[in-house]
Amino acid sequence: MLAGVIELLGADKGNIQLLNPERGVLTIAVQHGFDQDFLDFFREVSAKDDSACGRALRLQRPIVVEDVDADELFARYRSTARAAHFRSVVSTR
């Protein structure tokens, strides 16, 4: 599934997170193209987080961040995005 979505979007990397309902957090279940620092940083994401996946979880709708440098809510995550070499994010629920 992940490979198909990466191909569909023309992306270089991606991940699938699963919800841990007891703890209310998303955890990365499968990924392609990310280094360990990225995986450690986003190991758990909650609905309180303003990352794309945190917002998707909180708002219960897809979130598209076209440019992480222009998205004010993404400010906390910009250095991680730069280190992982991505500028945009799509997160669905």
Protein backbone atom coordinates (compact mmCIF):
# COMPACT_ATOMS: atom_id res chain seq x y z
CA MET A 1 0.00 0.00 0.00
CA LEU A 2 2.74 2.46 0.94
CA ALA A 3 4.64 1.84 -2.30
CA GLY A 4 1.46 2.44 -4.29
CA VAL A 5 0.72 5.76 -2.58
CA ILE A 6 4.32 6.93 -2.97
CA GLU A 7 4.10 6.13 -6.69
CA LEU A 8 0.67 7.75 -7.06
CA LEU A 9 1.88 10.99 -5.47
CA GLY A 10 5.26 10.93 -7.18
CA ALA A 11 6.90 11.10 -3.77
CA ASP A 12 10.34 9.95 -2.70
CA LYS A 13 9.39 8.80 0.78
CA GLY A 14 6.46 8.14 3.03
CA ASN A 15 5.15 6.40 6.10
CA ILE A 16 2.01 4.84 7.46
CA GLN A 17 1.09 5.46 11.06
CA LEU A 18 -1.38 3.45 13.10
CA LEU A 19 -3.45 4.74 16.00
CA ASN A 20 -2.84 3.23 19.39
CA PRO A 21 -6.37 3.69 20.78
CA GLU A 22 -5.41 3.11 24.42
CA ARG A 23 -2.81 5.87 24.36
CA GLY A 24 -4.36 8.08 21.67
CA VAL A 25 -1.11 8.34 19.70
CA LEU A 26 -0.03 7.54 16.17
CA THR A 27 3.04 5.36 15.70
CA ILE A 28 4.93 4.64 12.49
CA ALA A 29 4.13 1.11 11.34
CA VAL A 30 5.94 1.13 8.00
CA GLN A 31 8.10 3.68 6.20
CA HIS A 32 10.24 4.19 3.13
CA GLY A 33 13.07 6.67 2.72
CA PHE A 34 13.36 8.23 6.17
CA ASP A 35 16.44 8.10 8.39
CA GLN A 36 16.49 7.13 12.04
CA ASP A 37 16.45 10.73 13.32
CA PHE A 38 13.12 11.36 11.54
CA LEU A 39 11.69 8.08 12.79
CA ASP A 40 12.74 8.87 16.36
CA PHE A 41 11.31 12.40 16.19
CA PHE A 42 7.91 11.23 14.92
CA ARG A 43 7.89 7.94 16.88
CA GLU A 44 4.67 9.02 18.59
CA VAL A 45 2.32 11.78 17.50
CA SER A 46 -0.77 12.90 19.39
CA ALA A 47 -3.75 15.01 18.39
CA LYS A 48 -2.16 17.85 20.39
CA ASP A 49 0.72 18.05 17.90
CA ASP A 50 0.61 20.56 15.04
CA SER A 51 2.40 18.24 12.63
CA ALA A 52 0.31 17.30 9.60
CA CYS A 53 -0.51 13.89 11.08
CA GLY A 54 -1.37 15.38 14.48
CA ARG A 55 -3.75 17.84 12.82
CA ALA A 56 -5.31 15.08 10.70
CA LEU A 57 -5.91 13.07 13.86
CA ARG A 58 -7.32 16.05 15.76
CA LEU A 59 -9.51 17.42 12.94
CA GLN A 60 -10.48 14.01 11.52
CA ARG A 61 -9.81 15.11 7.94
CA PRO A 62 -6.95 15.06 5.43
CA ILE A 63 -4.28 17.73 5.87
CA VAL A 64 -2.08 19.04 3.06
CA VAL A 65 0.94 21.18 3.88
CA GLU A 66 2.10 22.44 0.50
CA ASP A 67 5.18 24.20 1.87
CA VAL A 68 6.45 23.45 5.36
CA ASP A 69 8.35 26.75 5.35
CA ALA A 70 5.13 28.72 4.80
CA ASP A 71 2.87 26.79 7.19
CA GLU A 72 2.89 28.59 10.54
CA LEU A 73 1.62 25.58 12.50
CA PHE A 74 4.47 23.47 11.09
CA ALA A 75 7.18 25.81 12.45
CA ARG A 76 8.26 23.45 15.25
CA TYR A 77 8.89 20.67 12.71
CA ARG A 78 10.76 22.66 10.01
CA SER A 79 14.27 21.63 11.03
CA THR A 80 13.23 17.97 11.00
CA ALA A 81 11.65 18.43 7.56
CA ARG A 82 14.81 20.08 6.24
CA ALA A 83 17.00 17.30 7.62
CA ALA A 84 14.69 14.70 6.03
CA HIS A 85 14.68 16.65 2.74
CA PHE A 86 10.96 17.25 2.28
CA ARG A 87 8.95 20.42 1.68
CA SER A 88 5.37 19.17 1.60
CA VAL A 89 3.24 16.70 3.51
CA VAL A 90 -0.06 14.92 2.91
CA SER A 91 -1.69 13.26 5.89
CA THR A 92 -5.02 11.46 5.87
CA ARG A 93 -6.93 9.79 8.61
